[in-house]
């Protein structure tokens, strides 16, 4: 008898589940379309300025809205070679970093007291900080100039830093207080049982736990100081103390005929703020989300 070799049975493969494609409803499509349109409107001037720095003045005059036919890198190179840009960038950095440090330190300490302690006048103090959001710097620019002049801080970066800190504190307090209120009281009680002082609890526990909100207010203060124009315009008359927003105006008045070079200078002046905001965008959203949840 011939032995019949049994063929091995093939293992049954599990059937793949085909997930149906999610269809976009007309309402969602309209939302996405409006969002893309708004993003395009916002980014179009930025792209135009950056690309305009690579064009020649003749191309800009002939076709103002066109793309570069030849890339003229010398516009950016000439701006970077000049000492004016770097001096103004240094002044903006000093003003922005100084403002950020003072805002973060003073804001965290004030918000911690308002969030964790109960005392008479607490609500009134918090309301005063909240009311500060309704008064923009343009309203108080004249008395602010008189005050800074009487203090002898005109043509001084410190005279720019102090008012910027004052106007940035209301936003900082509003963001930090709900975040600090959401911290569990059990952590504070456990720290006190272990012998931790109030100041030690603040530095060892409060600061690390509230770091997302602290980073958020620091980024907002830095960008607001970097883009500040009106306050330095009133307080700074010495060109060596100009920040980049003032430097753009001064550079444009000097090279009003050379439009391409003005666009290159403008692109370089706004580039640090754009990069800084793009890198820490998730930090800002995370800090604001935590504040809203708190």
Protein backbone atom coordinates (compact mmCIF):
# COMPACT_ATOMS: atom_id res chain seq x y z
CA UNK A 1 0.00 0.00 0.00
CA UNK A 2 1.26 3.36 -0.89
CA UNK A 3 1.33 5.75 1.96
CA UNK A 4 -0.47 8.88 1.17
CA UNK A 5 1.40 11.89 2.57
CA UNK A 6 -0.98 14.12 4.41
CA UNK A 7 -0.71 17.67 3.37
CA UNK A 8 -0.30 20.04 6.28
CA UNK A 9 -3.29 22.22 6.81
CA UNK A 10 -2.70 25.90 6.40
CA UNK A 11 -3.33 28.02 9.44
CA UNK A 12 -6.30 30.24 9.07
CA UNK A 13 -5.22 33.84 8.98
CA UNK A 14 -7.27 36.25 11.03
CA UNK A 15 -9.39 38.46 8.88
CA UNK A 16 -8.29 42.05 8.82
CA UNK A 17 -10.78 44.54 10.01
CA UNK A 18 -11.28 47.25 7.49
CA UNK A 19 -11.90 50.48 9.29
CA UNK A 20 -14.23 52.71 7.34
CA UNK A 21 -12.82 56.04 6.35
CA UNK A 22 -14.14 58.90 8.36
CA UNK A 23 -16.06 61.26 6.17
CA UNK A 24 -15.82 64.93 6.79
CA UNK A 25 -19.17 66.57 7.23
CA UNK A 26 -19.94 69.83 5.41
CA UNK A 27 -19.78 71.73 8.71
CA UNK A 28 -16.30 70.36 9.49
CA UNK A 29 -15.14 71.12 5.97
CA UNK A 30 -16.34 74.70 6.35
CA UNK A 31 -14.49 75.02 9.67
CA UNK A 32 -11.26 73.65 8.17
CA UNK A 33 -11.60 75.91 5.14
CA UNK A 34 -12.08 79.02 7.28
CA UNK A 35 -9.15 78.01 9.52
CA UNK A 36 -6.85 77.51 6.52
CA UNK A 37 -7.98 80.80 5.04
CA UNK A 38 -7.21 82.65 8.28
CA UNK A 39 -3.81 80.98 8.59
CA UNK A 40 -3.02 81.92 5.00
CA UNK A 41 -4.00 85.54 5.63
CA UNK A 42 -1.79 85.66 8.71
CA UNK A 43 1.23 83.99 7.11
CA UNK A 44 1.03 85.78 3.77
CA UNK A 45 2.58 89.10 4.98
CA UNK A 46 5.33 87.22 6.85
CA UNK A 47 6.22 85.17 3.77
CA UNK A 48 6.09 88.29 1.60
CA UNK A 49 8.53 90.14 3.86
CA UNK A 50 10.96 87.21 4.06
CA UNK A 51 10.93 86.59 0.30
CA UNK A 52 11.08 90.31 -0.41
CA UNK A 53 14.43 90.43 1.32
CA UNK A 54 15.82 88.11 -1.35
CA UNK A 55 14.66 90.31 -4.25
CA UNK A 56 16.17 93.35 -5.87
CA UNK A 57 14.63 96.80 -5.79
CA UNK A 58 14.01 96.65 -9.53
CA UNK A 59 12.04 93.40 -9.18
CA UNK A 60 9.97 94.81 -6.31
CA UNK A 61 9.17 97.94 -8.34
CA UNK A 62 8.27 95.95 -11.46
CA UNK A 63 6.28 93.18 -9.76
CA UNK A 64 5.61 93.93 -6.06
CA UNK A 65 3.79 90.66 -5.39
CA UNK A 66 6.04 88.36 -7.40
CA UNK A 67 8.52 85.71 -6.34
CA UNK A 68 12.29 86.18 -6.49
CA UNK A 69 13.65 85.51 -9.97
CA UNK A 70 17.22 85.70 -8.65
CA UNK A 71 18.05 85.20 -4.99
CA UNK A 72 19.93 88.22 -3.69
CA UNK A 73 21.55 86.99 -0.48
CA UNK A 74 23.57 90.16 -0.19
CA UNK A 75 20.60 92.00 1.34
CA UNK A 76 20.68 89.79 4.43
CA UNK A 77 24.48 89.66 4.46
CA UNK A 78 24.75 93.45 4.47
CA UNK A 79 22.32 93.71 7.38
CA UNK A 80 24.17 91.07 9.38
CA UNK A 81 27.54 92.67 8.69
CA UNK A 82 26.40 96.01 10.06
CA UNK A 83 26.78 96.64 13.76
CA UNK A 84 23.41 98.35 14.08
CA UNK A 85 21.40 95.15 13.90
CA UNK A 86 23.46 93.32 16.51
CA UNK A 87 23.42 96.26 18.92
CA UNK A 88 19.64 96.55 18.68
CA UNK A 89 19.27 92.78 19.00
CA UNK A 90 21.38 92.91 22.17
CA UNK A 91 19.22 95.71 23.58
CA UNK A 92 16.04 93.75 22.81
CA UNK A 93 17.51 90.65 24.43
CA UNK A 94 18.46 92.53 27.59
CA UNK A 95 15.02 94.12 27.85
CA UNK A 96 13.17 90.86 27.12
CA UNK A 97 15.25 88.68 29.44
CA UNK A 98 15.13 91.24 32.26
CA UNK A 99 11.37 91.65 31.89
CA UNK A 100 10.84 87.88 31.83
CA UNK A 101 12.90 87.26 34.97
CA UNK A 102 11.13 89.94 37.00
CA UNK A 103 7.69 88.90 35.76
CA UNK A 104 8.25 85.23 36.58
CA UNK A 105 9.77 85.80 40.04
CA UNK A 106 7.31 88.47 41.19
CA UNK A 107 4.33 86.79 39.51
CA UNK A 108 4.91 83.38 41.08
CA UNK A 109 5.38 84.83 44.57
CA UNK A 110 2.30 87.05 44.36
CA UNK A 111 0.16 84.33 42.79
CA UNK A 112 1.20 81.83 45.46
CA UNK A 113 0.06 84.15 48.23
CA UNK A 114 -3.24 84.90 46.51
CA UNK A 115 -3.89 81.24 45.73
CA UNK A 116 -2.88 79.50 48.98
CA UNK A 117 -3.48 82.02 51.79
CA UNK A 118 -6.66 83.53 53.19
CA UNK A 119 -6.37 87.09 54.45
CA UNK A 120 -8.39 90.28 54.53
CA UNK A 121 -8.34 92.14 51.23
CA UNK A 122 -7.34 89.09 49.21
CA UNK A 123 -10.29 89.39 46.84
CA UNK A 124 -9.73 93.11 46.44
CA UNK A 125 -6.07 92.56 45.57
CA UNK A 126 -6.92 89.87 43.03
CA UNK A 127 -9.57 92.16 41.55
CA UNK A 128 -7.01 94.93 41.22
CA UNK A 129 -4.75 92.64 39.18
CA UNK A 130 -7.72 91.54 37.06
CA UNK A 131 -8.68 95.17 36.48
CA UNK A 132 -5.18 95.78 35.16
CA UNK A 133 -6.10 93.77 32.07
CA UNK A 134 -8.55 96.50 31.05
CA UNK A 135 -5.93 99.27 30.94
CA UNK A 136 -3.54 98.97 27.98
CA UNK A 137 -0.23 100.73 27.96
CA UNK A 138 -1.45 103.31 25.46
CA UNK A 139 -3.85 104.74 28.04
CA UNK A 140 -1.13 105.42 30.60
CA UNK A 141 1.73 106.30 28.29
CA UNK A 142 1.80 110.03 29.16
CA UNK A 143 1.84 109.74 32.98
CA UNK A 144 4.17 106.77 32.61
CA UNK A 145 6.62 108.86 30.62
CA UNK A 146 6.49 111.64 33.24
CA UNK A 147 7.13 109.13 36.04
CA UNK A 148 10.06 107.49 34.26
CA UNK A 149 11.50 110.91 33.39
CA UNK A 150 11.29 112.05 37.03
CA UNK A 151 13.11 108.87 38.06
CA UNK A 152 15.88 109.66 35.60
CA UNK A 153 15.42 106.42 33.65
CA UNK A 154 14.86 107.82 30.16
CA UNK A 155 17.32 106.50 27.57
CA UNK A 156 17.84 103.57 29.91
CA UNK A 157 16.74 99.99 29.32
CA UNK A 158 15.77 99.73 32.98
CA UNK A 159 13.16 102.42 32.36
CA UNK A 160 11.66 100.14 29.71
CA UNK A 161 11.87 96.96 31.79
CA UNK A 162 10.07 98.26 34.89
CA UNK A 163 6.85 99.41 33.11
CA UNK A 164 6.80 96.24 31.02
CA UNK A 165 6.93 94.17 34.21
CA UNK A 166 4.06 96.17 35.70
CA UNK A 167 1.84 95.69 32.66
CA UNK A 168 2.72 91.98 32.33
CA UNK A 169 1.94 91.09 35.95
CA UNK A 170 -1.89 91.10 35.60
CA UNK A 171 -1.81 88.44 32.88
CA UNK A 172 0.73 86.46 34.89
CA UNK A 173 -1.40 86.54 38.03
CA UNK A 174 -4.56 85.55 36.18
CA UNK A 175 -2.81 82.52 34.67
CA UNK A 176 -0.90 81.38 37.76
CA UNK A 177 -3.53 81.74 40.49
CA UNK A 178 -5.94 79.03 39.17
CA UNK A 179 -2.98 76.77 38.47
CA UNK A 180 -1.64 77.10 42.02
CA UNK A 181 -5.09 76.71 43.53
CA UNK A 182 -5.39 73.32 41.83
CA UNK A 183 -2.38 71.92 43.71
CA UNK A 184 -3.61 69.38 46.29
CA UNK A 185 -3.51 70.54 49.90
CA UNK A 186 -2.41 67.04 50.95
CA UNK A 187 1.02 67.69 49.43
CA UNK A 188 1.41 70.82 51.52
CA UNK A 189 0.26 69.05 54.70
CA UNK A 190 2.63 66.14 54.09
CA UNK A 191 5.52 68.53 53.53
CA UNK A 192 4.80 70.37 56.78
CA UNK A 193 4.61 67.06 58.68
CA UNK A 194 8.05 66.15 57.33
CA UNK A 195 9.41 69.41 58.74
CA UNK A 196 9.47 71.47 55.56
CA UNK A 197 9.06 75.20 56.05
CA UNK A 198 6.69 77.35 54.02
CA UNK A 199 9.56 78.83 52.06
CA UNK A 200 11.06 75.39 51.50
CA UNK A 201 7.71 74.06 50.29
CA UNK A 202 7.47 76.99 47.88
CA UNK A 203 10.88 76.37 46.31
CA UNK A 204 10.91 72.55 46.44
CA UNK A 205 7.31 71.72 45.60
CA UNK A 206 5.37 74.69 44.25
CA UNK A 207 7.90 75.81 41.65
CA UNK A 208 8.47 72.34 40.10
CA UNK A 209 4.76 71.49 40.07
CA UNK A 210 3.75 74.80 38.51
CA UNK A 211 6.54 74.80 35.93
CA UNK A 212 4.19 74.48 32.89
CA UNK A 213 2.35 77.66 33.88
CA UNK A 214 5.61 79.42 34.78
CA UNK A 215 7.06 78.63 31.36
CA UNK A 216 3.87 79.88 29.72
CA UNK A 217 3.91 83.29 31.45
CA UNK A 218 7.64 83.57 30.81
CA UNK A 219 7.22 83.00 27.09
CA UNK A 220 4.34 85.46 26.88
CA UNK A 221 6.35 88.10 28.75
CA UNK A 222 9.41 87.55 26.55
CA UNK A 223 7.48 87.84 23.28
CA UNK A 224 5.53 90.89 24.47
CA UNK A 225 8.75 92.64 25.48
CA UNK A 226 10.52 91.70 22.24
CA UNK A 227 7.68 93.12 20.15
CA UNK A 228 7.14 96.21 22.31
CA UNK A 229 7.22 99.38 20.26
CA UNK A 230 5.30 102.24 21.87
CA UNK A 231 7.04 102.25 25.25
CA UNK A 232 10.60 102.30 23.83
CA UNK A 233 9.46 104.93 21.32
CA UNK A 234 8.54 107.32 24.13
CA UNK A 235 11.39 106.50 26.52
CA UNK A 236 14.39 105.96 24.22
CA UNK A 237 15.87 108.74 22.13
CA UNK A 238 19.46 107.51 21.99
CA UNK A 239 19.95 105.36 18.89
CA UNK A 240 22.46 103.18 20.72
CA UNK A 241 19.69 102.11 23.13
CA UNK A 242 17.15 101.31 20.42
CA UNK A 243 15.47 97.92 20.45
CA UNK A 244 14.71 96.05 17.24
CA UNK A 245 11.16 97.41 16.71
CA UNK A 246 12.54 100.94 16.90
CA UNK A 247 15.53 99.87 14.84
CA UNK A 248 13.26 98.78 12.00
CA UNK A 249 11.70 102.23 11.83
CA UNK A 250 15.07 103.95 12.06
CA UNK A 251 16.58 101.67 9.42
CA UNK A 252 13.61 102.21 7.12
CA UNK A 253 14.00 105.98 7.39
CA UNK A 254 17.71 105.72 6.55
CA UNK A 255 17.30 103.29 3.63
CA UNK A 256 13.86 104.35 2.41
CA UNK A 257 14.99 103.91 -1.22
CA UNK A 258 16.42 100.41 -0.66
CA UNK A 259 13.17 98.52 -0.09
CA UNK A 260 14.75 95.07 -0.36
CA UNK A 261 17.25 95.78 2.37
CA UNK A 262 14.49 97.17 4.62
CA UNK A 263 12.51 93.96 4.12
CA UNK A 264 15.61 91.92 4.97
CA UNK A 265 16.16 93.91 8.16
CA UNK A 266 12.49 93.48 9.11
CA UNK A 267 12.67 89.72 8.49
CA UNK A 268 15.71 89.31 10.70
CA UNK A 269 14.18 91.41 13.47
CA UNK A 270 10.99 89.34 13.69
CA UNK A 271 12.67 85.96 13.16
CA UNK A 272 13.78 85.38 16.81
CA UNK A 273 10.25 85.93 18.15
CA UNK A 274 8.76 83.60 15.51
CA UNK A 275 11.28 80.85 16.23
CA UNK A 276 10.90 81.26 19.98
CA UNK A 277 7.12 81.08 19.80
CA UNK A 278 7.17 78.12 17.41
CA UNK A 279 9.50 76.09 19.63
CA UNK A 280 7.47 76.66 22.80
CA UNK A 281 3.98 76.64 21.32
CA UNK A 282 3.03 73.38 23.04
CA UNK A 283 4.31 74.71 26.35
CA UNK A 284 2.06 77.74 26.03
CA UNK A 285 -1.01 75.65 25.21
CA UNK A 286 -0.22 73.19 28.01
CA UNK A 287 0.19 75.94 30.60
CA UNK A 288 -3.01 77.71 29.57
CA UNK A 289 -4.93 74.40 29.57
CA UNK A 290 -3.75 73.65 33.11
CA UNK A 291 -4.76 77.12 34.23
CA UNK A 292 -8.24 76.71 32.74
CA UNK A 293 -8.69 73.28 34.35
CA UNK A 294 -7.59 74.67 37.69
